[in-house]
PDB file of all heavy atoms in Angstrom:
ATOM      1  N   THR A   1     108.350 102.653  88.428  1.00  0.00           N
ATOM      2  CA  THR A   1     107.338 102.632  87.365  1.00  0.00           C
ATOM      3  C   THR A   1     108.026 102.663  86.003  1.00  0.00           C
ATOM      4  O   THR A   1     109.167 103.123  85.928  1.00  0.00           O
ATOM      5  CB  THR A   1     106.378 103.810  87.532  1.00  0.00           C
ATOM      6  OG1 THR A   1     107.120 105.012  87.458  1.00  0.00           O
ATOM      7  CG2 THR A   1     105.615 103.753  88.791  1.00  0.00           C
ATOM      8  N   GLY A   2     107.209 102.283  85.013  1.00  0.00           N
ATOM      9  CA  GLY A   2     107.791 102.303  83.642  1.00  0.00           C
ATOM     10  C   GLY A   2     106.678 101.793  82.750  1.00  0.00           C
ATOM     11  O   GLY A   2     105.513 101.593  83.142  1.00  0.00           O
ATOM     12  N   THR A   3     106.996 101.508  81.508  1.00  0.00           N
ATOM     13  CA  THR A   3     106.015 100.979  80.538  1.00  0.00           C
ATOM     14  C   THR A   3     106.521  99.591  80.066  1.00  0.00           C
ATOM     15  O   THR A   3     107.756  99.391  79.849  1.00  0.00           O
ATOM     16  CB  THR A   3     105.837 101.801  79.296  1.00  0.00           C
ATOM     17  OG1 THR A   3     107.055 102.037  78.646  1.00  0.00           O
ATOM     18  CG2 THR A   3     105.164 103.136  79.729  1.00  0.00           C
ATOM     19  N   ALA A   4     105.595  98.598  80.000  1.00  0.00           N
ATOM     20  CA  ALA A   4     106.012  97.271  79.591  1.00  0.00           C
ATOM     21  C   ALA A   4     104.874  96.739  78.647  1.00  0.00           C
ATOM     22  O   ALA A   4     103.740  97.229  78.650  1.00  0.00           O
ATOM     23  CB  ALA A   4     106.079  96.408  80.822  1.00  0.00           C
ATOM     24  N   PRO A   5     105.209  95.796  77.863  1.00  0.00           N
ATOM     25  CA  PRO A   5     104.112  95.152  77.001  1.00  0.00           C
ATOM     26  C   PRO A   5     103.182  94.353  77.798  1.00  0.00           C
ATOM     27  O   PRO A   5     103.550  93.651  78.800  1.00  0.00           O
ATOM     28  CB  PRO A   5     104.997  94.323  76.012  1.00  0.00           C
ATOM     29  CG  PRO A   5     106.250  94.048  76.681  1.00  0.00           C
ATOM     30  CD  PRO A   5     106.550  95.210  77.644  1.00  0.00           C
ATOM     31  N   SER A   6     101.924  94.386  77.341  1.00  0.00           N
ATOM     32  CA  SER A   6     100.903  93.651  77.951  1.00  0.00           C
ATOM     33  C   SER A   6      99.790  93.216  76.886  1.00  0.00           C
ATOM     34  O   SER A   6      99.760  93.825  75.811  1.00  0.00           O
ATOM     35  CB  SER A   6     100.216  94.391  79.084  1.00  0.00           C
ATOM     36  OG  SER A   6      99.008  93.787  79.587  1.00  0.00           O
ATOM     37  N   GLU A   7      99.071  92.131  77.255  1.00  0.00           N
ATOM     38  CA  GLU A   7      98.001  91.793  76.295  1.00  0.00           C
ATOM     39  C   GLU A   7      96.930  92.871  76.331  1.00  0.00           C
ATOM     40  O   GLU A   7      96.675  93.477  77.363  1.00  0.00           O
ATOM     41  CB  GLU A   7      97.357  90.477  76.727  1.00  0.00           C
ATOM     42  CG  GLU A   7      98.294  89.218  76.436  1.00  0.00           C
ATOM     43  CD  GLU A   7      99.397  89.051  77.461  1.00  0.00           C
ATOM     44  OE1 GLU A   7      99.252  89.545  78.577  1.00  0.00           O
ATOM     45  OE2 GLU A   7     100.323  88.428  77.107  1.00  0.00           O
ATOM     46  N   PRO A   8      96.295  93.078  75.175  1.00  0.00           N
ATOM     47  CA  PRO A   8      95.169  94.140  75.125  1.00  0.00           C
ATOM     48  C   PRO A   8      94.083  93.732  76.023  1.00  0.00           C
ATOM     49  O   PRO A   8      93.806  92.596  76.234  1.00  0.00           O
ATOM     50  CB  PRO A   8      94.852  94.186  73.650  1.00  0.00           C
ATOM     51  CG  PRO A   8      95.922  93.499  72.902  1.00  0.00           C
ATOM     52  CD  PRO A   8      96.594  92.530  73.885  1.00  0.00           C
ATOM     53  N   GLY A   9      93.392  94.770  76.612  1.00  0.00           N
ATOM     54  CA  GLY A   9      92.217  94.588  77.346  1.00  0.00           C
ATOM     55  C   GLY A   9      92.454  94.254  78.895  1.00  0.00           C
ATOM     56  O   GLY A   9      91.427  94.073  79.535  1.00  0.00           O
ATOM     57  N   ARG A  10      93.566  94.134  79.256  1.00  0.00           N
ATOM     58  CA  ARG A  10      93.919  93.833  80.702  1.00  0.00           C
ATOM     59  C   ARG A  10      93.485  95.075  81.574  1.00  0.00           C
ATOM     60  O   ARG A  10      93.722  96.227  81.175  1.00  0.00           O
ATOM     61  CB  ARG A  10      95.311  93.452  80.952  1.00  0.00           C
ATOM     62  CG  ARG A  10      95.566  92.057  80.367  1.00  0.00           C
ATOM     63  CD  ARG A  10      96.657  91.382  81.123  1.00  0.00           C
ATOM     64  NE  ARG A  10      96.759  90.068  80.844  1.00  0.00           N
ATOM     65  CZ  ARG A  10      97.653  89.259  81.394  1.00  0.00           C
ATOM     66  NH1 ARG A  10      98.584  89.779  82.117  1.00  0.00           N
ATOM     67  NH2 ARG A  10      97.646  87.977  81.126  1.00  0.00           N
ATOM     68  N   LYS A  11      92.987  94.817  82.791  1.00  0.00           N
ATOM     69  CA  LYS A  11      92.578  95.857  83.681  1.00  0.00           C
ATOM     70  C   LYS A  11      93.673  96.304  84.631  1.00  0.00           C
ATOM     71  O   LYS A  11      94.604  95.555  84.844  1.00  0.00           O
ATOM     72  CB  LYS A  11      91.319  95.439  84.505  1.00  0.00           C
ATOM     73  CG  LYS A  11      90.177  94.974  83.607  1.00  0.00           C
ATOM     74  CD  LYS A  11      89.671  96.216  82.895  1.00  0.00           C
ATOM     75  CE  LYS A  11      88.383  95.804  82.006  1.00  0.00           C
ATOM     76  NZ  LYS A  11      88.140  96.743  81.021  1.00  0.00           N
ATOM     77  N   ALA A  12      93.579  97.526  85.146  1.00  0.00           N
ATOM     78  CA  ALA A  12      94.456  97.976  86.114  1.00  0.00           C
ATOM     79  C   ALA A  12      94.525  97.064  87.299  1.00  0.00           C
ATOM     80  O   ALA A  12      93.530  96.607  87.756  1.00  0.00           O
ATOM     81  CB  ALA A  12      94.178  99.465  86.494  1.00  0.00           C
ATOM     82  N   GLY A  13      95.771  96.870  87.813  1.00  0.00           N
ATOM     83  CA  GLY A  13      95.949  95.958  89.012  1.00  0.00           C
ATOM     84  C   GLY A  13      96.248  94.540  88.618  1.00  0.00           C
ATOM     85  O   GLY A  13      96.580  93.719  89.448  1.00  0.00           O
ATOM     86  N   THR A  14      96.223  94.182  87.311  1.00  0.00           N
ATOM     87  CA  THR A  14      96.540  92.877  86.835  1.00  0.00           C
ATOM     88  C   THR A  14      98.078  92.715  86.847  1.00  0.00           C
ATOM     89  O   THR A  14      98.790  93.604  86.503  1.00  0.00           O
ATOM     90  CB  THR A  14      96.001  92.638  85.400  1.00  0.00           C
ATOM     91  OG1 THR A  14      94.624  92.882  85.376  1.00  0.00           O
ATOM     92  CG2 THR A  14      96.311  91.201  84.861  1.00  0.00           C
ATOM     93  N   ALA A  15      98.486  91.498  87.289  1.00  0.00           N
ATOM     94  CA  ALA A  15      99.919  91.269  87.316  1.00  0.00           C
ATOM     95  C   ALA A  15     100.434  90.875  85.935  1.00  0.00           C
ATOM     96  O   ALA A  15      99.669  90.112  85.233  1.00  0.00           O
ATOM     97  CB  ALA A  15     100.184  90.069  88.315  1.00  0.00           C
ATOM     98  N   VAL A  16     101.551  91.370  85.521  1.00  0.00           N
ATOM     99  CA  VAL A  16     102.226  91.018  84.285  1.00  0.00           C
ATOM    100  C   VAL A  16     103.664  90.719  84.517  1.00  0.00           C
ATOM    101  O   VAL A  16     104.319  91.252  85.417  1.00  0.00           O
ATOM    102  CB  VAL A  16     102.106  92.155  83.247  1.00  0.00           C
ATOM    103  CG1 VAL A  16     100.625  92.383  82.842  1.00  0.00           C
ATOM    104  CG2 VAL A  16     102.711  93.458  83.682  1.00  0.00           C
ATOM    105  N   ALA A  17     104.126  89.878  83.578  1.00  0.00           N
ATOM    106  CA  ALA A  17     105.594  89.535  83.727  1.00  0.00           C
ATOM    107  C   ALA A  17     106.442  90.624  83.037  1.00  0.00           C
ATOM    108  O   ALA A  17     106.117  91.105  81.934  1.00  0.00           O
ATOM    109  CB  ALA A  17     105.909  88.204  83.083  1.00  0.00           C
ATOM    110  N   ILE A  18     107.518  91.085  83.650  1.00  0.00           N
ATOM    111  CA  ILE A  18     108.420  91.995  83.078  1.00  0.00           C
ATOM    112  C   ILE A  18     109.843  91.442  83.215  1.00  0.00           C
ATOM    113  O   ILE A  18     110.108  90.520  83.866  1.00  0.00           O
ATOM    114  CB  ILE A  18     108.333  93.348  83.813  1.00  0.00           C
ATOM    115  CG1 ILE A  18     108.720  93.320  85.266  1.00  0.00           C
ATOM    116  CG2 ILE A  18     107.005  93.999  83.568  1.00  0.00           C
ATOM    117  CD1 ILE A  18     108.837  94.583  85.987  1.00  0.00           C
ATOM    118  N   TRP A  19     110.746  92.095  82.494  1.00  0.00           N
ATOM    119  CA  TRP A  19     112.140  91.697  82.498  1.00  0.00           C
ATOM    120  C   TRP A  19     112.969  92.875  82.961  1.00  0.00           C
ATOM    121  O   TRP A  19     112.788  94.056  82.502  1.00  0.00           O
ATOM    122  CB  TRP A  19     112.615  91.236  81.147  1.00  0.00           C
ATOM    123  CG  TRP A  19     112.084  89.841  80.828  1.00  0.00           C
ATOM    124  CD1 TRP A  19     110.896  89.612  80.244  1.00  0.00           C
ATOM    125  CD2 TRP A  19     112.679  88.625  81.090  1.00  0.00           C
ATOM    126  NE1 TRP A  19     110.697  88.229  80.166  1.00  0.00           N
ATOM    127  CE2 TRP A  19     111.848  87.584  80.712  1.00  0.00           C
ATOM    128  CE3 TRP A  19     113.868  88.309  81.733  1.00  0.00           C
ATOM    129  CZ2 TRP A  19     112.114  86.294  80.803  1.00  0.00           C
ATOM    130  CZ3 TRP A  19     114.174  86.950  81.856  1.00  0.00           C
ATOM    131  CH2 TRP A  19     113.314  85.976  81.462  1.00  0.00           C
ATOM    132  N   LEU A  20     113.914  92.700  83.872  1.00  0.00           N
ATOM    133  CA  LEU A  20     114.756  93.701  84.399  1.00  0.00           C
ATOM    134  C   LEU A  20     116.241  93.384  84.144  1.00  0.00           C
ATOM    135  O   LEU A  20     116.589  92.143  84.148  1.00  0.00           O
ATOM    136  CB  LEU A  20     114.516  93.871  85.955  1.00  0.00           C
ATOM    137  CG  LEU A  20     113.140  94.139  86.341  1.00  0.00           C
ATOM    138  CD1 LEU A  20     113.010  94.075  87.873  1.00  0.00           C
ATOM    139  CD2 LEU A  20     112.665  95.516  85.848  1.00  0.00           C
ATOM    140  N   ASP A  21     117.041  94.374  83.912  1.00  0.00           N
ATOM    141  CA  ASP A  21     118.441  94.109  83.796  1.00  0.00           C
ATOM    142  C   ASP A  21     119.132  94.078  85.169  1.00  0.00           C
ATOM    143  O   ASP A  21     118.480  94.175  86.134  1.00  0.00           O
ATOM    144  CB  ASP A  21     119.060  95.169  82.797  1.00  0.00           C
ATOM    145  CG  ASP A  21     119.084  96.626  83.394  1.00  0.00           C
ATOM    146  OD1 ASP A  21     118.735  96.718  84.545  1.00  0.00           O
ATOM    147  OD2 ASP A  21     119.385  97.552  82.648  1.00  0.00           O
ATOM    148  N   ASP A  22     120.486  93.967  85.161  1.00  0.00           N
ATOM    149  CA  ASP A  22     121.184  93.836  86.442  1.00  0.00           C
ATOM    150  C   ASP A  22     121.126  95.113  87.252  1.00  0.00           C
ATOM    151  O   ASP A  22     121.426  95.097  88.441  1.00  0.00           O
ATOM    152  CB  ASP A  22     122.620  93.399  86.139  1.00  0.00           C
ATOM    153  CG  ASP A  22     123.356  94.335  85.220  1.00  0.00           C
ATOM    154  OD1 ASP A  22     122.724  95.167  84.617  1.00  0.00           O
ATOM    155  OD2 ASP A  22     124.607  94.236  85.139  1.00  0.00           O
ATOM    156  N   ARG A  23     120.718  96.214  86.715  1.00  0.00           N
ATOM    157  CA  ARG A  23     120.535  97.470  87.453  1.00  0.00           C
ATOM    158  C   ARG A  23     119.065  97.722  87.892  1.00  0.00           C
ATOM    159  O   ARG A  23     118.753  98.785  88.427  1.00  0.00           O
ATOM    160  CB  ARG A  23     121.077  98.631  86.622  1.00  0.00           C
ATOM    161  CG  ARG A  23     122.544  98.549  86.393  1.00  0.00           C
ATOM    162  CD  ARG A  23     122.979  99.738  85.547  1.00  0.00           C
ATOM    163  NE  ARG A  23     124.426  99.590  85.170  1.00  0.00           N
ATOM    164  CZ  ARG A  23     124.900 100.090  84.146  1.00  0.00           C
ATOM    165  NH1 ARG A  23     124.220 100.834  83.274  1.00  0.00           N
ATOM    166  NH2 ARG A  23     126.199  99.940  83.872  1.00  0.00           N
ATOM    167  N   GLY A  24     118.171  96.741  87.556  1.00  0.00           N
ATOM    168  CA  GLY A  24     116.810  96.906  87.974  1.00  0.00           C
ATOM    169  C   GLY A  24     115.950  97.793  86.996  1.00  0.00           C
ATOM    170  O   GLY A  24     114.831  98.064  87.309  1.00  0.00           O
ATOM    171  N   ARG A  25     116.493  98.010  85.755  1.00  0.00           N
ATOM    172  CA  ARG A  25     115.770  98.789  84.759  1.00  0.00           C
ATOM    173  C   ARG A  25     114.935  97.870  83.882  1.00  0.00           C
ATOM    174  O   ARG A  25     115.352  96.717  83.588  1.00  0.00           O
ATOM    175  CB  ARG A  25     116.704  99.659  83.953  1.00  0.00           C
ATOM    176  CG  ARG A  25     117.419 100.657  84.695  1.00  0.00           C
ATOM    177  CD  ARG A  25     118.461 101.367  83.829  1.00  0.00           C
ATOM    178  NE  ARG A  25     119.397 100.432  83.306  1.00  0.00           N
ATOM    179  CZ  ARG A  25     120.507 100.790  82.695  1.00  0.00           C
ATOM    180  NH1 ARG A  25     120.822 102.015  82.506  1.00  0.00           N
ATOM    181  NH2 ARG A  25     121.349  99.777  82.273  1.00  0.00           N
ATOM    182  N   LEU A  26     113.833  98.354  83.318  1.00  0.00           N
ATOM    183  CA  LEU A  26     113.028  97.563  82.428  1.00  0.00           C
ATOM    184  C   LEU A  26     113.808  97.306  81.144  1.00  0.00           C
ATOM    185  O   LEU A  26     114.493  98.172  80.643  1.00  0.00           O
ATOM    186  CB  LEU A  26     111.782  98.300  82.030  1.00  0.00           C
ATOM    187  CG  LEU A  26     110.545  98.166  83.075  1.00  0.00           C
ATOM    188  CD1 LEU A  26     109.480  99.104  82.631  1.00  0.00           C
ATOM    189  CD2 LEU A  26     110.059  96.732  83.106  1.00  0.00           C
ATOM    190  N   THR A  27     113.671  96.105  80.674  1.00  0.00           N
ATOM    191  CA  THR A  27     114.426  95.745  79.426  1.00  0.00           C
ATOM    192  C   THR A  27     113.539  94.687  78.696  1.00  0.00           C
ATOM    193  O   THR A  27     112.512  94.229  79.185  1.00  0.00           O
ATOM    194  CB  THR A  27     115.865  95.244  79.690  1.00  0.00           C
ATOM    195  OG1 THR A  27     116.537  95.049  78.520  1.00  0.00           O
ATOM    196  CG2 THR A  27     115.847  93.938  80.437  1.00  0.00           C
ATOM    197  N   LYS A  28     114.025  94.252  77.518  1.00  0.00           N
ATOM    198  CA  LYS A  28     113.351  93.249  76.750  1.00  0.00           C
ATOM    199  C   LYS A  28     113.772  91.872  77.297  1.00  0.00           C
ATOM    200  O   LYS A  28     114.839  91.672  77.882  1.00  0.00           O
ATOM    201  CB  LYS A  28     113.617  93.327  75.266  1.00  0.00           C
ATOM    202  CG  LYS A  28     112.997  94.551  74.651  1.00  0.00           C
ATOM    203  CD  LYS A  28     113.308  94.480  73.172  1.00  0.00           C
ATOM    204  CE  LYS A  28     112.605  95.688  72.455  1.00  0.00           C
ATOM    205  NZ  LYS A  28     112.678  95.604  71.041  1.00  0.00           N
ATOM    206  N   GLN A  29     112.939  90.820  76.975  1.00  0.00           N
ATOM    207  CA  GLN A  29     113.216  89.528  77.406  1.00  0.00           C
ATOM    208  C   GLN A  29     114.519  89.012  76.585  1.00  0.00           C
ATOM    209  O   GLN A  29     114.636  89.392  75.401  1.00  0.00           O
ATOM    210  CB  GLN A  29     112.026  88.603  77.007  1.00  0.00           C
ATOM    211  CG  GLN A  29     112.223  87.121  77.321  1.00  0.00           C
ATOM    212  CD  GLN A  29     111.004  86.329  77.034  1.00  0.00           C
ATOM    213  OE1 GLN A  29     109.996  86.864  76.643  1.00  0.00           O
ATOM    214  NE2 GLN A  29     111.117  85.073  77.182  1.00  0.00           N
ATOM    215  N   PRO A  30     115.381  88.310  77.277  1.00  0.00           N
ATOM    216  CA  PRO A  30     116.584  87.878  76.526  1.00  0.00           C
ATOM    217  C   PRO A  30     116.133  86.921  75.427  1.00  0.00           C
ATOM    218  O   PRO A  30     115.120  86.273  75.474  1.00  0.00           O
ATOM    219  CB  PRO A  30     117.426  87.175  77.613  1.00  0.00           C
ATOM    220  CG  PRO A  30     116.556  86.839  78.726  1.00  0.00           C
ATOM    221  CD  PRO A  30     115.409  87.916  78.637  1.00  0.00           C
ATOM    222  N   LEU A  31     116.988  86.757  74.443  1.00  0.00           N
ATOM    223  CA  LEU A  31     116.784  85.785  73.323  1.00  0.00           C
ATOM    224  C   LEU A  31     116.685  84.383  73.829  1.00  0.00           C
ATOM    225  O   LEU A  31     117.534  83.972  74.680  1.00  0.00           O
ATOM    226  CB  LEU A  31     117.778  86.019  72.243  1.00  0.00           C
ATOM    227  CG  LEU A  31     117.842  87.346  71.477  1.00  0.00           C
ATOM    228  CD1 LEU A  31     119.021  87.356  70.593  1.00  0.00           C
ATOM    229  CD2 LEU A  31     116.613  87.584  70.790  1.00  0.00           C
ATOM    230  N   GLY A  32     115.790  83.672  73.262  1.00  0.00           N
ATOM    231  CA  GLY A  32     115.678  82.267  73.560  1.00  0.00           C
ATOM    232  C   GLY A  32     116.772  81.454  72.902  1.00  0.00           C
ATOM    233  O   GLY A  32     117.591  82.023  72.106  1.00  0.00           O
ATOM    234  N   SER A  33     116.819  80.168  73.032  1.00  0.00           N
ATOM    235  CA  SER A  33     117.859  79.356  72.444  1.00  0.00           C
ATOM    236  C   SER A  33     117.750  79.381  70.935  1.00  0.00           C
ATOM    237  O   SER A  33     118.802  79.489  70.285  1.00  0.00           O
ATOM    238  CB  SER A  33     117.795  77.883  73.000  1.00  0.00           C
ATOM    239  OG  SER A  33     116.605  77.342  72.607  1.00  0.00           O
ATOM    240  N   VAL A  34     116.577  79.253  70.348  1.00  0.00           N
ATOM    241  CA  VAL A  34     116.516  79.244  68.860  1.00  0.00           C
ATOM    242  C   VAL A  34     116.785  80.695  68.315  1.00  0.00           C
ATOM    243  O   VAL A  34     117.593  80.773  67.320  1.00  0.00           O
ATOM    244  CB  VAL A  34     115.083  78.755  68.410  1.00  0.00           C
ATOM    245  CG1 VAL A  34     114.891  78.967  67.015  1.00  0.00           C
ATOM    246  CG2 VAL A  34     114.858  77.385  68.862  1.00  0.00           C
ATOM    247  N   ASP A  35     116.207  81.647  68.924  1.00  0.00           N
ATOM    248  CA  ASP A  35     116.501  83.015  68.445  1.00  0.00           C
ATOM    249  C   ASP A  35     117.893  83.380  68.589  1.00  0.00           C
ATOM    250  O   ASP A  35     118.522  84.039  67.746  1.00  0.00           O
ATOM    251  CB  ASP A  35     115.602  84.100  69.185  1.00  0.00           C
ATOM    252  CG  ASP A  35     114.084  83.927  68.822  1.00  0.00           C
ATOM    253  OD1 ASP A  35     113.862  83.473  67.713  1.00  0.00           O
ATOM    254  OD2 ASP A  35     113.255  84.413  69.612  1.00  0.00           O
ATOM    255  N   GLY A  36     118.553  83.001  69.717  1.00  0.00           N
ATOM    256  CA  GLY A  36     119.886  83.255  69.994  1.00  0.00           C
ATOM    257  C   GLY A  36     120.838  82.577  68.892  1.00  0.00           C
ATOM    258  O   GLY A  36     121.750  83.166  68.462  1.00  0.00           O
ATOM    259  N   ALA A  37     120.501  81.322  68.571  1.00  0.00           N
ATOM    260  CA  ALA A  37     121.257  80.559  67.602  1.00  0.00           C
ATOM    261  C   ALA A  37     121.158  81.214  66.240  1.00  0.00           C
ATOM    262  O   ALA A  37     122.160  81.368  65.454  1.00  0.00           O
ATOM    263  CB  ALA A  37     120.873  79.101  67.615  1.00  0.00           C
ATOM    264  N   VAL A  38     119.934  81.670  65.888  1.00  0.00           N
ATOM    265  CA  VAL A  38     119.750  82.290  64.616  1.00  0.00           C
ATOM    266  C   VAL A  38     120.496  83.637  64.557  1.00  0.00           C
ATOM    267  O   VAL A  38     121.155  83.919  63.528  1.00  0.00           O
ATOM    268  CB  VAL A  38     118.232  82.534  64.293  1.00  0.00           C
ATOM    269  CG1 VAL A  38     118.027  83.502  63.168  1.00  0.00           C
ATOM    270  CG2 VAL A  38     117.540  81.245  64.101  1.00  0.00           C
TER     271      VAL A  38
END
């Protein structure tokens, strides 16, 4: 379990996309190609 960002108003039981690091811990989404280049 942990906390992750979600759209407001979603109900319990709704599936959401999360990002995990190589150890299985919650983390932020990696930078995209444009954000990475910037």
